[in-house]
Amino acid sequence: TVHGPSDGHARLRLLQDLAKDYVMQRFNWRSVPPMAFLVLSVFYFLMPLWWLIVSSTKSNTGLQTSNGFWFDAPQLMENVERTLNYDSGLFLRWLLNSFLYSGTAAVVGTAIAVAAGYVFAKFSFRGKGAMFGAIIAGVMVPSALLTIPLYFLASAVGLVNTPWAVIIPTCVSPFGVYLARIYAESSIPDELLEAARIDGAGEFRIFRSVALKILGPAMVTIFLFIFVSAWNNFLLPLMMLNSDRLKPVTLGLYGWQTYRGAATYDIVLTGSLISIIPMGILFFALQKYIRTGLSAGSVKG
C-alpha cells in the first residue's frame, strides 16, 4: 500500500497530539514548588564550588580584575606547581598530615562506635538508658565548646604539639554510636545471635564473624562521617599544634592566607581545590554504602 505525504503528516500530528496529552496527564502543578526548590538548592550549593574551580585557574591579578565566575587566562597547572613547591613544599606535608589524622581517627573511631552501638543494641545491662542518653547529649554539644577543656587536658598530660592531641579527641563519635545502634537493632536478628551461641561461639567471635559482616554499610557511613569531620577540623588543630610541619591542610592554608597576605591568594585557592578532591573521591566511591547506612532503621518489620 502506498501512502501519500498527507498520511505521513497526519501520523506525525497524531503522535504529537498523543505526546502532548500524555505530558499534560503526567504533569502535576503541585510538583512545581518542590522541583523549583531543589533546583535553587543545587544552584546554591554548586555555585561556591564553581567559583573555587574558576578562581583556582587565575593569577592574583586575574582574581582582582576579572569576572569572579568565569575564566580569565587559565593557568591551573602553574598554580598547582607553585602550590606544591611554595614554602619548601609544606603543602604536601600538610596533605599527608590530614590523611594521617583523618584516617587514623576514622579507623579507630569506627571500631569504637560499631562496638559500642552493637553492645547497646543487643545487650541489657544496668544504666544502659542513662549511658545512651549521655551519648545522645554528646551529639548535641558543639565540638567548639570542648576545644579549650581538651587543650588543658592535653597540656596536663604533655600531648600539646603532637599528632595525638588531634587524633585522640576525633576518635570519639557519639553520632557514630547512635547510627551503629540503630543499624544493629534493625539488621541483626536476635535469632542469628542465639544460633551462634548454641553452636558454642563466644561473644567476641559472634561480633567479629557475624555482626561485623552485617554492619558493613553502617561502618562505611560512620567511617566517612568521622573522616570528613577530622579532615575539616580547624579549631582543635589551631589550639593544639604550633609546628608548621604538624599542621593539617586546613590550618596550613589559613596560615598562608593570614600571614602571607594577598601574595598567596592564588595558591590558597588552588590548595583548597586540591584538598577537596579526596572528599569527592570518597563520596563517589562510597555513595552506595552511604545510602544504605543512612536508611538504616527507617523501616522496621
Protein backbone atom coordinates (compact mmCIF):
# COMPACT_ATOMS: atom_id res chain seq x y z
CA THR A 1 0.00 0.00 0.00
CA VAL A 2 1.39 3.38 -0.95
CA HIS A 3 0.61 6.33 1.26
CA GLY A 4 0.90 9.94 0.19
CA PRO A 5 2.68 12.74 2.03
CA SER A 6 -0.56 13.71 3.72
CA ASP A 7 -0.68 10.34 5.51
CA GLY A 8 2.80 10.91 6.97
CA HIS A 9 1.88 14.40 8.16
CA ALA A 10 -1.33 13.04 9.70
CA ARG A 11 0.57 10.36 11.60
CA LEU A 12 3.09 12.95 12.83
CA ARG A 13 0.32 15.24 14.05
CA LEU A 14 -1.37 12.30 15.76
CA LEU A 15 1.84 11.34 17.53
CA GLN A 16 2.41 14.94 18.60
CA ASP A 17 -1.14 15.17 19.99
CA LEU A 18 -0.70 11.87 21.87
CA ALA A 19 2.61 13.03 23.34
CA LYS A 20 1.08 16.35 24.39
CA ASP A 21 -1.88 14.59 26.05
CA TYR A 22 0.50 12.22 27.85
CA VAL A 23 2.61 15.09 29.16
CA MET A 24 -0.45 17.02 30.35
CA GLN A 25 -1.81 13.93 32.11
CA ARG A 26 1.51 13.27 33.82
CA PHE A 27 2.19 16.89 34.72
CA ASN A 28 1.27 17.87 38.25
CA TRP A 29 1.34 21.51 39.25
CA ARG A 30 1.90 20.50 42.86
CA SER A 31 5.35 19.24 41.90
CA VAL A 32 6.48 22.65 40.64
CA PRO A 33 7.36 24.24 44.04
CA PRO A 34 9.41 21.24 45.26
CA MET A 35 11.24 20.99 41.94
CA ALA A 36 11.94 24.73 41.95
CA PHE A 37 13.26 24.48 45.50
CA LEU A 38 15.54 21.58 44.55
CA VAL A 39 16.88 23.43 41.51
CA LEU A 40 17.61 26.51 43.63
CA SER A 41 19.27 24.34 46.28
CA VAL A 42 21.53 22.68 43.72
CA PHE A 43 22.41 26.09 42.31
CA TYR A 44 23.11 27.44 45.81
CA PHE A 45 25.42 24.55 46.76
CA LEU A 46 27.25 24.28 43.44
CA MET A 47 27.96 27.97 42.88
CA PRO A 48 30.74 28.17 45.56
CA LEU A 49 32.35 25.07 44.07
CA TRP A 50 32.19 26.58 40.59
CA TRP A 51 33.70 29.82 41.91
CA LEU A 52 36.54 27.87 43.55
CA ILE A 53 37.28 25.95 40.35
CA VAL A 54 37.31 29.13 38.27
CA SER A 55 39.37 31.10 40.80
CA SER A 56 41.96 28.32 41.05
CA THR A 57 42.87 28.90 37.40
CA LYS A 58 43.65 32.61 37.82
CA SER A 59 46.64 34.65 38.84
CA ASN A 60 46.48 37.12 41.72
CA THR A 61 45.95 39.92 39.21
CA GLY A 62 43.18 37.99 37.46
CA LEU A 63 41.42 37.40 40.77
CA GLN A 64 41.05 41.15 41.24
CA THR A 65 40.33 42.28 37.68
CA SER A 66 38.22 39.53 36.08
CA ASN A 67 34.69 38.22 36.48
CA GLY A 68 34.63 36.05 39.58
CA PHE A 69 32.51 33.33 37.97
CA TRP A 70 34.30 32.95 34.65
CA PHE A 71 37.76 32.05 33.44
CA ASP A 72 40.47 34.58 32.62
CA ALA A 73 43.75 33.39 31.04
CA PRO A 74 43.67 29.98 32.79
CA GLN A 75 46.92 28.90 34.44
CA LEU A 76 45.82 25.99 36.59
CA MET A 77 48.94 23.88 36.15
CA GLU A 78 51.17 26.83 37.02
CA ASN A 79 49.13 27.43 40.17
CA VAL A 80 49.29 23.75 41.12
CA GLU A 81 53.06 23.66 40.64
CA ARG A 82 53.50 26.84 42.71
CA THR A 83 51.26 25.48 45.46
CA LEU A 84 53.17 22.21 45.72
CA ASN A 85 56.56 23.94 45.79
CA TYR A 86 55.74 27.01 47.88
CA ASP A 87 57.37 27.30 51.31
CA SER A 88 59.66 24.29 50.72
CA GLY A 89 56.78 22.02 49.76
CA LEU A 90 54.84 22.34 53.01
CA PHE A 91 51.52 21.79 51.27
CA LEU A 92 52.30 18.13 50.55
CA ARG A 93 53.32 17.70 54.18
CA TRP A 94 50.01 19.19 55.28
CA LEU A 95 48.09 16.84 52.99
CA LEU A 96 49.90 13.84 54.45
CA ASN A 97 49.16 15.12 57.96
CA SER A 98 45.47 15.44 57.12
CA PHE A 99 45.40 11.90 55.74
CA LEU A 100 47.18 10.62 58.85
CA TYR A 101 44.94 12.43 61.34
CA SER A 102 41.68 11.75 59.49
CA GLY A 103 42.45 8.15 58.50
CA THR A 104 43.61 7.10 61.97
CA ALA A 105 40.69 8.81 63.69
CA ALA A 106 38.21 7.31 61.21
CA VAL A 107 39.50 3.74 61.59
CA VAL A 108 39.72 3.84 65.40
CA GLY A 109 36.51 5.88 65.77
CA THR A 110 34.56 3.49 63.55
CA ALA A 111 35.75 0.49 65.57
CA ILE A 112 34.73 2.15 68.84
CA ALA A 113 31.37 3.35 67.52
CA VAL A 114 30.40 0.00 65.98
CA ALA A 115 31.39 -1.97 69.08
CA ALA A 116 29.52 0.41 71.39
CA GLY A 117 26.45 0.53 69.13
CA TYR A 118 26.34 -3.28 68.96
CA VAL A 119 26.51 -3.57 72.74
CA PHE A 120 23.73 -1.03 73.23
CA ALA A 121 21.57 -2.76 70.62
CA LYS A 122 21.95 -6.39 71.68
CA PHE A 123 22.74 -6.45 75.40
CA SER A 124 20.87 -5.40 78.51
CA PHE A 125 22.77 -4.03 81.50
CA ARG A 126 22.25 -1.62 84.39
CA GLY A 127 22.43 2.04 83.42
CA LYS A 128 22.04 1.36 79.72
CA GLY A 129 19.41 4.05 79.21
CA ALA A 130 21.34 6.70 81.14
CA MET A 131 24.58 5.93 79.31
CA PHE A 132 22.95 6.08 75.90
CA GLY A 133 21.20 9.30 76.91
CA ALA A 134 24.59 10.79 77.76
CA ILE A 135 25.87 9.76 74.32
CA ILE A 136 22.88 11.40 72.63
CA ALA A 137 23.57 14.53 74.69
CA GLY A 138 27.10 14.45 73.35
CA VAL A 139 25.68 14.71 69.83
CA MET A 140 24.03 17.98 70.80
CA VAL A 141 27.16 19.60 72.24
CA PRO A 142 29.10 21.70 69.67
CA SER A 143 32.65 20.44 69.37
CA ALA A 144 33.96 24.02 69.61
CA LEU A 145 32.83 24.18 73.24
CA LEU A 146 35.11 21.27 74.11
CA THR A 147 38.25 22.64 72.47
CA ILE A 148 39.58 24.64 75.43
CA PRO A 149 38.92 21.87 78.01
CA LEU A 150 40.62 19.41 75.65
CA TYR A 151 43.60 21.75 75.36
CA PHE A 152 44.03 21.92 79.15
CA LEU A 153 43.73 18.13 79.35
CA ALA A 154 46.29 17.59 76.57
CA SER A 155 48.61 20.11 78.20
CA ALA A 156 48.37 18.30 81.53
CA VAL A 157 49.48 15.00 80.01
CA GLY A 158 52.08 16.52 77.65
CA LEU A 159 50.35 15.93 74.33
CA VAL A 160 50.24 19.53 73.08
CA ASN A 161 52.00 19.99 69.74
CA THR A 162 51.86 16.27 68.97
CA PRO A 163 49.66 14.41 66.45
CA TRP A 164 47.91 12.60 69.32
CA ALA A 165 46.40 15.87 70.54
CA VAL A 166 44.39 15.99 67.29
CA ILE A 167 43.82 12.28 66.70
CA ILE A 168 42.56 11.13 70.11
CA PRO A 169 39.64 13.61 70.50
CA THR A 170 38.41 12.97 66.96
CA CYS A 171 38.27 9.21 67.55
CA VAL A 172 35.12 9.67 69.64
CA SER A 173 31.88 9.96 67.64
CA PRO A 174 28.60 9.98 69.60
CA PHE A 175 26.65 10.14 66.35
CA GLY A 176 28.56 7.08 65.12
CA VAL A 177 27.48 5.15 68.22
CA TYR A 178 23.87 6.18 67.65
CA LEU A 179 23.95 5.18 63.98
CA ALA A 180 25.60 1.84 64.77
CA ARG A 181 22.96 1.03 67.40
CA ILE A 182 20.07 1.86 65.07
CA TYR A 183 21.57 -0.23 62.27
CA ALA A 184 22.35 -3.18 64.57
CA GLU A 185 18.83 -3.19 66.00
CA SER A 186 17.22 -3.26 62.56
CA SER A 187 19.66 -5.52 60.73
CA ILE A 188 20.96 -8.19 63.13
CA PRO A 189 18.28 -10.73 64.13
CA ASP A 190 18.43 -11.94 67.72
CA GLU A 191 17.76 -15.47 66.43
CA LEU A 192 21.02 -15.37 64.47
CA LEU A 193 22.98 -14.48 67.60
CA GLU A 194 21.23 -17.18 69.61
CA ALA A 195 22.06 -19.76 66.95
CA ALA A 196 25.72 -18.75 67.09
CA ARG A 197 25.71 -19.06 70.90
CA ILE A 198 24.13 -22.52 70.69
CA ASP A 199 26.93 -23.54 68.31
CA GLY A 200 29.40 -22.58 71.03
CA ALA A 201 30.67 -19.25 69.68
CA GLY A 202 31.80 -16.66 72.23
CA GLU A 203 30.50 -13.12 72.25
CA PHE A 204 33.64 -11.63 70.71
CA ARG A 205 33.67 -14.24 67.96
CA ILE A 206 29.99 -13.58 67.24
CA PHE A 207 30.71 -9.88 66.98
CA ARG A 208 33.75 -10.40 64.75
CA SER A 209 32.41 -13.14 62.49
CA VAL A 210 28.70 -12.37 62.32
CA ALA A 211 27.87 -8.83 63.37
CA LEU A 212 30.67 -7.03 61.57
CA LYS A 213 29.72 -8.59 58.23
CA ILE A 214 26.15 -7.34 58.59
CA LEU A 215 27.23 -3.93 59.88
CA GLY A 216 29.39 -3.23 56.81
CA PRO A 217 27.25 -0.41 55.31
CA ALA A 218 26.94 1.31 58.69
CA MET A 219 30.71 1.04 59.21
CA VAL A 220 31.41 2.70 55.87
CA THR A 221 28.99 5.52 56.66
CA ILE A 222 30.45 6.10 60.13
CA PHE A 223 33.98 5.98 58.70
CA LEU A 224 33.09 8.64 56.17
CA PHE A 225 31.44 10.92 58.73
CA ILE A 226 34.45 10.75 61.05
CA PHE A 227 36.95 11.13 58.22
CA VAL A 228 35.24 14.22 56.81
CA SER A 229 34.82 15.75 60.26
CA ALA A 230 38.51 15.21 61.06
CA TRP A 231 39.60 16.44 57.62
CA ASN A 232 37.66 19.69 58.02
CA ASN A 233 38.66 20.15 61.66
CA PHE A 234 40.17 23.58 62.20
CA LEU A 235 39.76 24.86 65.74
CA LEU A 236 41.23 21.82 67.50
CA PRO A 237 44.49 21.80 65.47
CA LEU A 238 44.67 25.57 65.86
CA MET A 239 44.69 25.18 69.63
CA MET A 240 46.87 22.07 69.84
CA LEU A 241 49.59 22.50 67.19
CA ASN A 242 52.39 25.06 66.97
CA SER A 243 54.77 23.47 64.49
CA ASP A 244 54.18 24.19 60.82
CA ARG A 245 55.16 20.64 59.91
CA LEU A 246 52.41 19.16 62.09
CA LYS A 247 49.53 21.26 60.75
CA PRO A 248 46.73 19.74 58.66
CA VAL A 249 45.91 21.26 55.30
CA THR A 250 43.03 23.41 56.62
CA LEU A 251 45.19 25.12 59.22
CA GLY A 252 48.16 25.42 56.88
CA LEU A 253 46.18 27.21 54.17
CA TYR A 254 44.73 29.52 56.80
CA GLY A 255 48.25 30.42 57.91
CA TRP A 256 49.32 31.24 54.35
CA GLN A 257 46.32 33.50 53.86
CA THR A 258 46.67 35.19 57.24
CA TYR A 259 50.41 35.72 57.47
CA ARG A 260 51.48 35.91 53.82
CA GLY A 261 48.66 38.14 52.61
CA ALA A 262 47.46 38.79 49.07
CA ALA A 263 50.59 37.29 47.53
CA THR A 264 49.29 33.79 48.33
CA TYR A 265 45.63 34.13 47.35
CA ASP A 266 46.10 32.12 44.15
CA ILE A 267 47.88 29.22 45.86
CA VAL A 268 45.47 29.24 48.79
CA LEU A 269 42.55 28.82 46.39
CA THR A 270 44.38 26.17 44.39
CA GLY A 271 45.30 24.35 47.60
CA SER A 272 41.66 24.48 48.71
CA LEU A 273 40.59 22.91 45.41
CA ILE A 274 43.18 20.15 45.75
CA SER A 275 42.17 19.48 49.36
CA ILE A 276 38.52 18.77 48.48
CA ILE A 277 39.39 16.23 45.79
CA PRO A 278 39.89 13.37 48.32
CA MET A 279 36.46 14.13 49.78
CA GLY A 280 34.84 13.97 46.36
CA ILE A 281 36.54 10.67 45.57
CA LEU A 282 35.40 9.18 48.89
CA PHE A 283 31.80 10.29 48.44
CA PHE A 284 31.53 8.97 44.89
CA ALA A 285 33.26 5.70 45.74
CA LEU A 286 31.19 5.02 48.86
CA GLN A 287 27.83 6.56 47.96
CA LYS A 288 26.18 3.13 47.65
CA TYR A 289 27.08 2.30 51.24
CA ILE A 290 26.17 5.79 52.47
CA ARG A 291 22.59 5.44 51.19
CA THR A 292 22.26 2.03 52.81
CA GLY A 293 23.67 3.22 56.11
CA LEU A 294 21.57 6.37 56.30
CA SER A 295 18.37 4.44 55.60
CA ALA A 296 19.07 2.00 58.43
CA GLY A 297 16.26 1.88 60.93
CA SER A 298 13.89 3.96 58.80
CA VAL A 299 11.71 0.89 58.17
CA LYS A 300 11.27 -1.89 60.67
CA GLY A 301 9.49 -5.17 60.08
